[in-house]
């Protein structure tokens, strides 16, 4: 019997070598995959995107449906399987336990403790479902850069920890360090920055930087970086540089990335902006 799945129903895996702490999986037709009871070394979190299934965690079992978020602590035996061959679909994220443990420590869990398990096995919170779905879409987006994906992952798991597994918050860092982080981004905006670069320059943890930077500046470190690159590109275009030259000089991967950022920030393409600048110059010469 041919067991090959249609391309649109085959399991979809995602992993980025530059973000080795997280992996994603999407199943379009859960009837095609059945699991025996098993456990992972990683922390797992997923969302049911359509249909119904059984969900076993430890000694308990439930029926879960679209809109449910499931959480699986490392080492906990679990399984999800179809009900009477009914269709269902889901997405899963697998997060390395040491990475998540370090994040918990930054958020106030005692460093004398290891991973702090989540008590909830599943949730029907629509906001949590929407945020998890958004994180998945960001991770698998081929156009999103590593800093953006990393920042979104940190923000999501910080919020998850504070919402479902809160601990005494660690003392806040010196607010001046946020200005230091912003200055570092401005000074290096044309370079391929990683989240670790900014954290190291400002001597801040990733969890604090992601949360506090947005509170201080109103946007994430990644959005701040893109804004600086757009401003750099504007200056280059005003001086007559070609769009291809500007895209590379500004730190964008290519012209398409420059064009998307430009339209988001200025509601115009680089070509339209450059043409306008040339028009102003001609008028000034009259």
C-alpha atoms as a PDB file:
ATOM      1  CA  UNK A   1       0.000   0.000   0.000  1.00  0.00           C
ATOM      2  CA  UNK A   2       1.280   3.476  -0.866  1.00  0.00           C
ATOM      3  CA  UNK A   3       1.621   5.475   2.382  1.00  0.00           C
ATOM      4  CA  UNK A   4       3.055   8.629   0.791  1.00  0.00           C
ATOM      5  CA  UNK A   5       1.091  11.674   1.915  1.00  0.00           C
ATOM      6  CA  UNK A   6       0.077  14.472  -0.457  1.00  0.00           C
ATOM      7  CA  UNK A   7       2.535  17.360  -0.275  1.00  0.00           C
ATOM      8  CA  UNK A   8       0.020  19.615   1.473  1.00  0.00           C
ATOM      9  CA  UNK A   9      -0.619  16.971   4.165  1.00  0.00           C
ATOM     10  CA  UNK A  10       2.952  15.860   4.869  1.00  0.00           C
ATOM     11  CA  UNK A  11       4.434  16.940   8.214  1.00  0.00           C
ATOM     12  CA  UNK A  12       6.195  20.279   7.992  1.00  0.00           C
ATOM     13  CA  UNK A  13       9.323  20.779  10.068  1.00  0.00           C
ATOM     14  CA  UNK A  14      11.192  24.012  10.746  1.00  0.00           C
ATOM     15  CA  UNK A  15      14.557  24.593  12.363  1.00  0.00           C
ATOM     16  CA  UNK A  16      17.078  27.423  12.021  1.00  0.00           C
ATOM     17  CA  UNK A  17      20.743  26.724  12.887  1.00  0.00           C
ATOM     18  CA  UNK A  18      21.040  30.294  14.183  1.00  0.00           C
ATOM     19  CA  UNK A  19      18.210  29.578  16.683  1.00  0.00           C
ATOM     20  CA  UNK A  20      19.176  26.092  17.857  1.00  0.00           C
ATOM     21  CA  UNK A  21      17.012  26.222  21.006  1.00  0.00           C
ATOM     22  CA  UNK A  22      13.660  25.900  19.206  1.00  0.00           C
ATOM     23  CA  UNK A  23      12.071  23.658  16.588  1.00  0.00           C
ATOM     24  CA  UNK A  24       8.611  23.693  15.022  1.00  0.00           C
ATOM     25  CA  UNK A  25       6.330  21.106  13.486  1.00  0.00           C
ATOM     26  CA  UNK A  26       2.983  21.413  11.722  1.00  0.00           C
ATOM     27  CA  UNK A  27       0.551  18.605  10.899  1.00  0.00           C
ATOM     28  CA  UNK A  28      -2.239  19.343   8.410  1.00  0.00           C
ATOM     29  CA  UNK A  29      -4.056  15.994   8.816  1.00  0.00           C
ATOM     30  CA  UNK A  30      -3.646  14.395  12.240  1.00  0.00           C
ATOM     31  CA  UNK A  31      -5.364  11.213  11.096  1.00  0.00           C
ATOM     32  CA  UNK A  32      -2.178  10.300   9.248  1.00  0.00           C
ATOM     33  CA  UNK A  33      -0.001  10.303  12.391  1.00  0.00           C
ATOM     34  CA  UNK A  34      -0.722   8.260  15.499  1.00  0.00           C
ATOM     35  CA  UNK A  35       1.505   8.253  18.561  1.00  0.00           C
ATOM     36  CA  UNK A  36       2.238   5.725  21.249  1.00  0.00           C
ATOM     37  CA  UNK A  37       2.850   7.164  24.691  1.00  0.00           C
ATOM     38  CA  UNK A  38       6.157   8.993  24.667  1.00  0.00           C
ATOM     39  CA  UNK A  39       8.103  11.849  26.254  1.00  0.00           C
ATOM     40  CA  UNK A  40      10.538  14.553  25.118  1.00  0.00           C
ATOM     41  CA  UNK A  41      13.622  16.036  26.707  1.00  0.00           C
ATOM     42  CA  UNK A  42      12.391  19.438  25.528  1.00  0.00           C
ATOM     43  CA  UNK A  43       9.482  21.513  26.783  1.00  0.00           C
ATOM     44  CA  UNK A  44       6.684  21.245  24.210  1.00  0.00           C
ATOM     45  CA  UNK A  45       3.778  23.573  23.521  1.00  0.00           C
ATOM     46  CA  UNK A  46       1.272  23.316  20.718  1.00  0.00           C
ATOM     47  CA  UNK A  47      -2.100  24.464  19.473  1.00  0.00           C
ATOM     48  CA  UNK A  48      -4.977  22.554  17.908  1.00  0.00           C
ATOM     49  CA  UNK A  49      -5.836  24.466  14.735  1.00  0.00           C
ATOM     50  CA  UNK A  50      -8.811  22.372  13.544  1.00  0.00           C
ATOM     51  CA  UNK A  51     -10.941  19.401  14.591  1.00  0.00           C
ATOM     52  CA  UNK A  52     -10.778  17.307  17.752  1.00  0.00           C
ATOM     53  CA  UNK A  53      -8.366  14.791  19.260  1.00  0.00           C
ATOM     54  CA  UNK A  54      -7.576  12.949  22.447  1.00  0.00           C
ATOM     55  CA  UNK A  55      -4.822  14.361  24.647  1.00  0.00           C
ATOM     56  CA  UNK A  56      -3.093  12.211  27.225  1.00  0.00           C
ATOM     57  CA  UNK A  57      -0.711  13.738  29.759  1.00  0.00           C
ATOM     58  CA  UNK A  58       0.623  11.589  32.560  1.00  0.00           C
ATOM     59  CA  UNK A  59      -2.308   9.620  33.958  1.00  0.00           C
ATOM     60  CA  UNK A  60      -5.040  11.952  32.709  1.00  0.00           C
ATOM     61  CA  UNK A  61      -6.766  12.165  29.341  1.00  0.00           C
ATOM     62  CA  UNK A  62      -9.040  14.752  27.727  1.00  0.00           C
ATOM     63  CA  UNK A  63     -10.686  15.545  24.429  1.00  0.00           C
ATOM     64  CA  UNK A  64      -9.272  18.770  22.997  1.00  0.00           C
ATOM     65  CA  UNK A  65     -10.430  20.821  20.035  1.00  0.00           C
ATOM     66  CA  UNK A  66      -9.532  23.779  17.836  1.00  0.00           C
ATOM     67  CA  UNK A  67      -8.388  26.728  19.954  1.00  0.00           C
ATOM     68  CA  UNK A  68      -6.780  24.589  22.675  1.00  0.00           C
ATOM     69  CA  UNK A  69      -3.145  25.082  23.665  1.00  0.00           C
ATOM     70  CA  UNK A  70      -1.378  22.021  25.104  1.00  0.00           C
ATOM     71  CA  UNK A  71       1.723  22.146  27.315  1.00  0.00           C
ATOM     72  CA  UNK A  72       4.067  19.222  27.959  1.00  0.00           C
ATOM     73  CA  UNK A  73       6.840  19.414  30.540  1.00  0.00           C
ATOM     74  CA  UNK A  74      10.123  17.618  29.813  1.00  0.00           C
ATOM     75  CA  UNK A  75       9.931  13.923  30.616  1.00  0.00           C
ATOM     76  CA  UNK A  76       6.132  13.796  30.980  1.00  0.00           C
ATOM     77  CA  UNK A  77       4.545  10.927  29.050  1.00  0.00           C
ATOM     78  CA  UNK A  78       1.916  12.166  26.609  1.00  0.00           C
ATOM     79  CA  UNK A  79       0.147  11.405  23.334  1.00  0.00           C
ATOM     80  CA  UNK A  80      -2.352  13.086  20.998  1.00  0.00           C
ATOM     81  CA  UNK A  81      -4.381  10.990  18.571  1.00  0.00           C
ATOM     82  CA  UNK A  82      -7.456  11.299  16.321  1.00  0.00           C
ATOM     83  CA  UNK A  83     -10.984  10.464  17.485  1.00  0.00           C
ATOM     84  CA  UNK A  84     -12.861   7.971  15.275  1.00  0.00           C
ATOM     85  CA  UNK A  85     -10.776   8.953  12.266  1.00  0.00           C
ATOM     86  CA  UNK A  86     -12.039  12.550  12.432  1.00  0.00           C
ATOM     87  CA  UNK A  87      -9.713  15.121  10.818  1.00  0.00           C
ATOM     88  CA  UNK A  88      -7.703  17.428  13.043  1.00  0.00           C
ATOM     89  CA  UNK A  89      -4.580  19.549  12.678  1.00  0.00           C
ATOM     90  CA  UNK A  90      -2.051  21.125  15.002  1.00  0.00           C
ATOM     91  CA  UNK A  91       1.258  22.940  15.383  1.00  0.00           C
ATOM     92  CA  UNK A  92       3.981  22.223  17.932  1.00  0.00           C
ATOM     93  CA  UNK A  93       7.051  24.022  19.245  1.00  0.00           C
ATOM     94  CA  UNK A  94       9.857  22.103  20.969  1.00  0.00           C
ATOM     95  CA  UNK A  95      12.052  24.241  23.209  1.00  0.00           C
ATOM     96  CA  UNK A  96      15.373  23.134  24.679  1.00  0.00           C
ATOM     97  CA  UNK A  97      14.958  22.829  28.432  1.00  0.00           C
ATOM     98  CA  UNK A  98      18.292  24.503  29.372  1.00  0.00           C
ATOM     99  CA  UNK A  99      17.355  27.584  27.320  1.00  0.00           C
ATOM    100  CA  UNK A 100      13.926  27.858  28.931  1.00  0.00           C
ATOM    101  CA  UNK A 101      15.419  27.237  32.376  1.00  0.00           C
ATOM    102  CA  UNK A 102      17.822  30.156  31.924  1.00  0.00           C
ATOM    103  CA  UNK A 103      14.880  32.329  30.920  1.00  0.00           C
ATOM    104  CA  UNK A 104      13.015  31.266  34.071  1.00  0.00           C
ATOM    105  CA  UNK A 105      16.040  32.224  36.180  1.00  0.00           C
ATOM    106  CA  UNK A 106      16.133  35.646  34.537  1.00  0.00           C
ATOM    107  CA  UNK A 107      12.449  36.051  35.425  1.00  0.00           C
ATOM    108  CA  UNK A 108      12.937  35.288  39.116  1.00  0.00           C
ATOM    109  CA  UNK A 109      13.026  31.498  39.546  1.00  0.00           C
ATOM    110  CA  UNK A 110      15.812  30.675  41.979  1.00  0.00           C
ATOM    111  CA  UNK A 111      19.049  29.735  40.261  1.00  0.00           C
ATOM    112  CA  UNK A 112      19.360  26.945  42.849  1.00  0.00           C
ATOM    113  CA  UNK A 113      16.480  25.211  41.084  1.00  0.00           C
ATOM    114  CA  UNK A 114      16.383  23.508  37.737  1.00  0.00           C
ATOM    115  CA  UNK A 115      13.512  23.758  35.283  1.00  0.00           C
ATOM    116  CA  UNK A 116      10.288  24.837  36.970  1.00  0.00           C
ATOM    117  CA  UNK A 117       7.453  22.712  35.482  1.00  0.00           C
ATOM    118  CA  UNK A 118       4.196  24.241  34.337  1.00  0.00           C
ATOM    119  CA  UNK A 119       1.185  23.071  36.312  1.00  0.00           C
ATOM    120  CA  UNK A 120      -1.268  23.563  33.437  1.00  0.00           C
ATOM    121  CA  UNK A 121      -1.500  20.758  30.895  1.00  0.00           C
ATOM    122  CA  UNK A 122      -3.734  22.715  28.502  1.00  0.00           C
ATOM    123  CA  UNK A 123      -5.435  26.078  28.122  1.00  0.00           C
ATOM    124  CA  UNK A 124      -8.446  27.503  26.287  1.00  0.00           C
ATOM    125  CA  UNK A 125      -7.190  31.097  26.494  1.00  0.00           C
ATOM    126  CA  UNK A 126      -7.822  32.629  23.022  1.00  0.00           C
ATOM    127  CA  UNK A 127      -5.082  35.229  23.516  1.00  0.00           C
ATOM    128  CA  UNK A 128      -2.487  32.560  24.291  1.00  0.00           C
ATOM    129  CA  UNK A 129      -3.647  30.580  21.247  1.00  0.00           C
ATOM    130  CA  UNK A 130      -3.356  33.634  18.981  1.00  0.00           C
ATOM    131  CA  UNK A 131       0.102  34.525  20.336  1.00  0.00           C
ATOM    132  CA  UNK A 132       1.386  30.973  19.859  1.00  0.00           C
ATOM    133  CA  UNK A 133       0.031  30.890  16.312  1.00  0.00           C
ATOM    134  CA  UNK A 134       1.693  34.239  15.601  1.00  0.00           C
ATOM    135  CA  UNK A 135       5.036  32.993  16.941  1.00  0.00           C
ATOM    136  CA  UNK A 136       4.835  29.924  14.728  1.00  0.00           C
ATOM    137  CA  UNK A 137       4.081  32.042  11.650  1.00  0.00           C
ATOM    138  CA  UNK A 138       7.004  34.344  12.476  1.00  0.00           C
ATOM    139  CA  UNK A 139       9.436  31.465  12.905  1.00  0.00           C
ATOM    140  CA  UNK A 140       8.592  29.852   9.572  1.00  0.00           C
ATOM    141  CA  UNK A 141       8.488  33.174   7.694  1.00  0.00           C
ATOM    142  CA  UNK A 142      11.341  33.106   5.170  1.00  0.00           C
ATOM    143  CA  UNK A 143      11.386  36.909   5.044  1.00  0.00           C
ATOM    144  CA  UNK A 144      11.761  37.458   8.808  1.00  0.00           C
ATOM    145  CA  UNK A 145      15.339  37.864  10.009  1.00  0.00           C
ATOM    146  CA  UNK A 146      16.947  36.059  12.926  1.00  0.00           C
ATOM    147  CA  UNK A 147      16.864  38.980  15.365  1.00  0.00           C
ATOM    148  CA  UNK A 148      13.108  39.369  14.862  1.00  0.00           C
ATOM    149  CA  UNK A 149      12.458  35.644  15.317  1.00  0.00           C
ATOM    150  CA  UNK A 150      14.690  35.453  18.395  1.00  0.00           C
ATOM    151  CA  UNK A 151      13.041  38.484  19.980  1.00  0.00           C
ATOM    152  CA  UNK A 152       9.550  37.124  19.346  1.00  0.00           C
ATOM    153  CA  UNK A 153      10.489  33.774  20.911  1.00  0.00           C
ATOM    154  CA  UNK A 154      11.902  35.438  24.027  1.00  0.00           C
ATOM    155  CA  UNK A 155       8.851  37.710  24.335  1.00  0.00           C
ATOM    156  CA  UNK A 156       6.407  34.810  23.962  1.00  0.00           C
ATOM    157  CA  UNK A 157       8.060  32.562  26.533  1.00  0.00           C
ATOM    158  CA  UNK A 158       8.519  35.453  28.976  1.00  0.00           C
ATOM    159  CA  UNK A 159       4.781  36.157  28.729  1.00  0.00           C
ATOM    160  CA  UNK A 160       3.979  32.450  29.012  1.00  0.00           C
ATOM    161  CA  UNK A 161       6.084  32.142  32.155  1.00  0.00           C
ATOM    162  CA  UNK A 162       4.555  35.214  33.769  1.00  0.00           C
ATOM    163  CA  UNK A 163       1.022  34.167  32.834  1.00  0.00           C
ATOM    164  CA  UNK A 164       1.059  30.473  33.747  1.00  0.00           C
ATOM    165  CA  UNK A 165       4.148  29.895  35.886  1.00  0.00           C
ATOM    166  CA  UNK A 166       4.966  33.173  37.698  1.00  0.00           C
ATOM    167  CA  UNK A 167       7.904  33.635  40.051  1.00  0.00           C
ATOM    168  CA  UNK A 168       9.240  36.474  42.141  1.00  0.00           C
ATOM    169  CA  UNK A 169      10.532  39.005  39.656  1.00  0.00           C
ATOM    170  CA  UNK A 170      14.234  39.720  39.624  1.00  0.00           C
ATOM    171  CA  UNK A 171      15.334  43.270  40.456  1.00  0.00           C
ATOM    172  CA  UNK A 172      15.229  45.490  37.363  1.00  0.00           C
ATOM    173  CA  UNK A 173      18.470  46.489  35.720  1.00  0.00           C
ATOM    174  CA  UNK A 174      19.776  50.059  35.488  1.00  0.00           C
ATOM    175  CA  UNK A 175      17.470  51.971  33.082  1.00  0.00           C
ATOM    176  CA  UNK A 176      20.548  53.674  31.606  1.00  0.00           C
ATOM    177  CA  UNK A 177      21.455  50.326  30.082  1.00  0.00           C
ATOM    178  CA  UNK A 178      18.403  50.549  27.826  1.00  0.00           C
ATOM    179  CA  UNK A 179      19.807  53.763  26.393  1.00  0.00           C
ATOM    180  CA  UNK A 180      23.094  51.932  25.967  1.00  0.00           C
ATOM    181  CA  UNK A 181      21.299  49.179  24.049  1.00  0.00           C
ATOM    182  CA  UNK A 182      19.599  51.734  21.784  1.00  0.00           C
ATOM    183  CA  UNK A 183      22.884  53.517  21.168  1.00  0.00           C
ATOM    184  CA  UNK A 184      24.575  50.243  20.255  1.00  0.00           C
ATOM    185  CA  UNK A 185      21.809  49.498  17.737  1.00  0.00           C
ATOM    186  CA  UNK A 186      22.151  52.956  16.191  1.00  0.00           C
ATOM    187  CA  UNK A 187      25.924  52.639  15.918  1.00  0.00           C
ATOM    188  CA  UNK A 188      25.793  49.159  14.366  1.00  0.00           C
ATOM    189  CA  UNK A 189      22.485  49.301  12.477  1.00  0.00           C
ATOM    190  CA  UNK A 190      24.036  48.350   9.131  1.00  0.00           C
ATOM    191  CA  UNK A 191      25.598  45.189  10.568  1.00  0.00           C
ATOM    192  CA  UNK A 192      23.888  41.769  10.971  1.00  0.00           C
ATOM    193  CA  UNK A 193      23.110  42.104  14.698  1.00  0.00           C
ATOM    194  CA  UNK A 194      22.087  39.176  16.876  1.00  0.00           C
ATOM    195  CA  UNK A 195      20.111  39.515  20.086  1.00  0.00           C
ATOM    196  CA  UNK A 196      23.150  38.323  22.033  1.00  0.00           C
ATOM    197  CA  UNK A 197      25.213  41.216  20.599  1.00  0.00           C
ATOM    198  CA  UNK A 198      22.806  43.820  21.972  1.00  0.00           C
ATOM    199  CA  UNK A 199      22.476  42.054  25.333  1.00  0.00           C
ATOM    200  CA  UNK A 200      26.228  41.861  25.743  1.00  0.00           C
ATOM    201  CA  UNK A 201      26.762  45.511  24.785  1.00  0.00           C
ATOM    202  CA  UNK A 202      24.176  46.698  27.312  1.00  0.00           C
ATOM    203  CA  UNK A 203      24.913  44.005  29.932  1.00  0.00           C
ATOM    204  CA  UNK A 204      21.261  42.972  30.046  1.00  0.00           C
ATOM    205  CA  UNK A 205      19.552  39.595  29.920  1.00  0.00           C
ATOM    206  CA  UNK A 206      17.472  38.824  26.838  1.00  0.00           C
ATOM    207  CA  UNK A 207      14.271  38.601  28.866  1.00  0.00           C
ATOM    208  CA  UNK A 208      14.779  42.032  30.448  1.00  0.00           C
ATOM    209  CA  UNK A 209      15.893  43.674  27.205  1.00  0.00           C
ATOM    210  CA  UNK A 210      12.887  42.440  25.227  1.00  0.00           C
ATOM    211  CA  UNK A 211      10.363  43.488  27.894  1.00  0.00           C
ATOM    212  CA  UNK A 212      11.924  46.755  29.058  1.00  0.00           C
ATOM    213  CA  UNK A 213      13.098  48.058  25.675  1.00  0.00           C
ATOM    214  CA  UNK A 214       9.538  48.088  24.324  1.00  0.00           C
ATOM    215  CA  UNK A 215       8.293  49.817  27.472  1.00  0.00           C
ATOM    216  CA  UNK A 216      10.991  52.480  27.138  1.00  0.00           C
ATOM    217  CA  UNK A 217      10.925  53.092  23.365  1.00  0.00           C
ATOM    218  CA  UNK A 218       7.505  51.788  22.313  1.00  0.00           C
ATOM    219  CA  UNK A 219       8.943  49.232  19.860  1.00  0.00           C
ATOM    220  CA  UNK A 220      11.030  46.072  20.038  1.00  0.00           C
ATOM    221  CA  UNK A 221      14.824  46.079  19.538  1.00  0.00           C
ATOM    222  CA  UNK A 222      14.294  44.563  16.085  1.00  0.00           C
ATOM    223  CA  UNK A 223      11.783  47.231  15.065  1.00  0.00           C
ATOM    224  CA  UNK A 224      14.179  49.888  16.373  1.00  0.00           C
ATOM    225  CA  UNK A 225      16.956  48.383  14.239  1.00  0.00           C
ATOM    226  CA  UNK A 226      14.809  48.329  11.093  1.00  0.00           C
ATOM    227  CA  UNK A 227      13.781  51.938  11.710  1.00  0.00           C
ATOM    228  CA  UNK A 228      17.448  52.957  11.950  1.00  0.00           C
ATOM    229  CA  UNK A 229      18.227  51.108   8.726  1.00  0.00           C
ATOM    230  CA  UNK A 230      15.390  52.882   6.919  1.00  0.00           C
ATOM    231  CA  UNK A 231      16.697  56.258   8.085  1.00  0.00           C
ATOM    232  CA  UNK A 232      20.196  55.304   6.930  1.00  0.00           C
ATOM    233  CA  UNK A 233      18.753  54.259   3.566  1.00  0.00           C
ATOM    234  CA  UNK A 234      16.875  57.543   3.237  1.00  0.00           C
ATOM    235  CA  UNK A 235      20.109  59.496   3.658  1.00  0.00           C
ATOM    236  CA  UNK A 236      21.856  57.363   1.044  1.00  0.00           C
ATOM    237  CA  UNK A 237      18.997  57.789  -1.433  1.00  0.00           C
ATOM    238  CA  UNK A 238      18.987  61.545  -0.902  1.00  0.00           C
ATOM    239  CA  UNK A 239      22.659  61.553  -1.886  1.00  0.00           C
ATOM    240  CA  UNK A 240      21.889  59.797  -5.178  1.00  0.00           C
ATOM    241  CA  UNK A 241      22.976  56.213  -4.421  1.00  0.00           C
ATOM    242  CA  UNK A 242      21.323  53.400  -6.376  1.00  0.00           C
ATOM    243  CA  UNK A 243      18.634  51.331  -4.686  1.00  0.00           C
ATOM    244  CA  UNK A 244      20.673  48.111  -4.959  1.00  0.00           C
ATOM    245  CA  UNK A 245      23.670  49.833  -3.396  1.00  0.00           C
ATOM    246  CA  UNK A 246      21.520  51.319  -0.634  1.00  0.00           C
ATOM    247  CA  UNK A 247      19.915  47.970   0.234  1.00  0.00           C
ATOM    248  CA  UNK A 248      23.292  46.337   0.931  1.00  0.00           C
ATOM    249  CA  UNK A 249      24.838  49.387   2.593  1.00  0.00           C
ATOM    250  CA  UNK A 250      21.864  49.706   4.951  1.00  0.00           C
ATOM    251  CA  UNK A 251      22.087  46.148   6.237  1.00  0.00           C
ATOM    252  CA  UNK A 252      19.077  44.727   4.394  1.00  0.00           C
ATOM    253  CA  UNK A 253      19.430  41.279   2.839  1.00  0.00           C
ATOM    254  CA  UNK A 254      18.344  42.530  -0.584  1.00  0.00           C
ATOM    255  CA  UNK A 255      16.218  45.097  -2.404  1.00  0.00           C
ATOM    256  CA  UNK A 256      13.006  43.242  -1.580  1.00  0.00           C
ATOM    257  CA  UNK A 257      13.672  43.547   2.163  1.00  0.00           C
ATOM    258  CA  UNK A 258      14.478  47.240   1.759  1.00  0.00           C
ATOM    259  CA  UNK A 259      11.288  47.794  -0.223  1.00  0.00           C
ATOM    260  CA  UNK A 260       9.080  46.090   2.396  1.00  0.00           C
ATOM    261  CA  UNK A 261      10.617  48.070   5.242  1.00  0.00           C
ATOM    262  CA  UNK A 262      10.415  51.330   3.306  1.00  0.00           C
ATOM    263  CA  UNK A 263       6.720  50.868   2.501  1.00  0.00           C
ATOM    264  CA  UNK A 264       5.939  49.983   6.124  1.00  0.00           C
ATOM    265  CA  UNK A 265       7.711  53.069   7.468  1.00  0.00           C
ATOM    266  CA  UNK A 266       7.106  55.670   4.733  1.00  0.00           C
ATOM    267  CA  UNK A 267       4.155  54.308   2.729  1.00  0.00           C
ATOM    268  CA  UNK A 268       6.338  54.671  -0.373  1.00  0.00           C
ATOM    269  CA  UNK A 269       8.878  52.567  -2.247  1.00  0.00           C
ATOM    270  CA  UNK A 270      12.579  53.466  -2.320  1.00  0.00           C
ATOM    271  CA  UNK A 271      12.152  54.313  -6.007  1.00  0.00           C
ATOM    272  CA  UNK A 272       9.338  56.753  -5.264  1.00  0.00           C
ATOM    273  CA  UNK A 273      11.346  58.361  -2.478  1.00  0.00           C
ATOM    274  CA  UNK A 274      14.446  58.672  -4.668  1.00  0.00           C
ATOM    275  CA  UNK A 275      12.420  60.177  -7.518  1.00  0.00           C
ATOM    276  CA  UNK A 276      10.948  62.753  -5.146  1.00  0.00           C
ATOM    277  CA  UNK A 277      14.400  63.733  -3.924  1.00  0.00           C
ATOM    278  CA  UNK A 278      15.616  64.187  -7.492  1.00  0.00           C
ATOM    279  CA  UNK A 279      12.590  66.374  -8.203  1.00  0.00           C
ATOM    280  CA  UNK A 280      13.361  68.574  -5.192  1.00  0.00           C
ATOM    281  CA  UNK A 281      16.978  68.945  -6.368  1.00  0.00           C
ATOM    282  CA  UNK A 282      15.901  70.014  -9.847  1.00  0.00           C
ATOM    283  CA  UNK A 283      13.549  72.591  -8.392  1.00  0.00           C
ATOM    284  CA  UNK A 284      16.302  73.956  -6.150  1.00  0.00           C
ATOM    285  CA  UNK A 285      18.567  74.484  -9.162  1.00  0.00           C
ATOM    286  CA  UNK A 286      16.057  76.643 -11.020  1.00  0.00           C
END
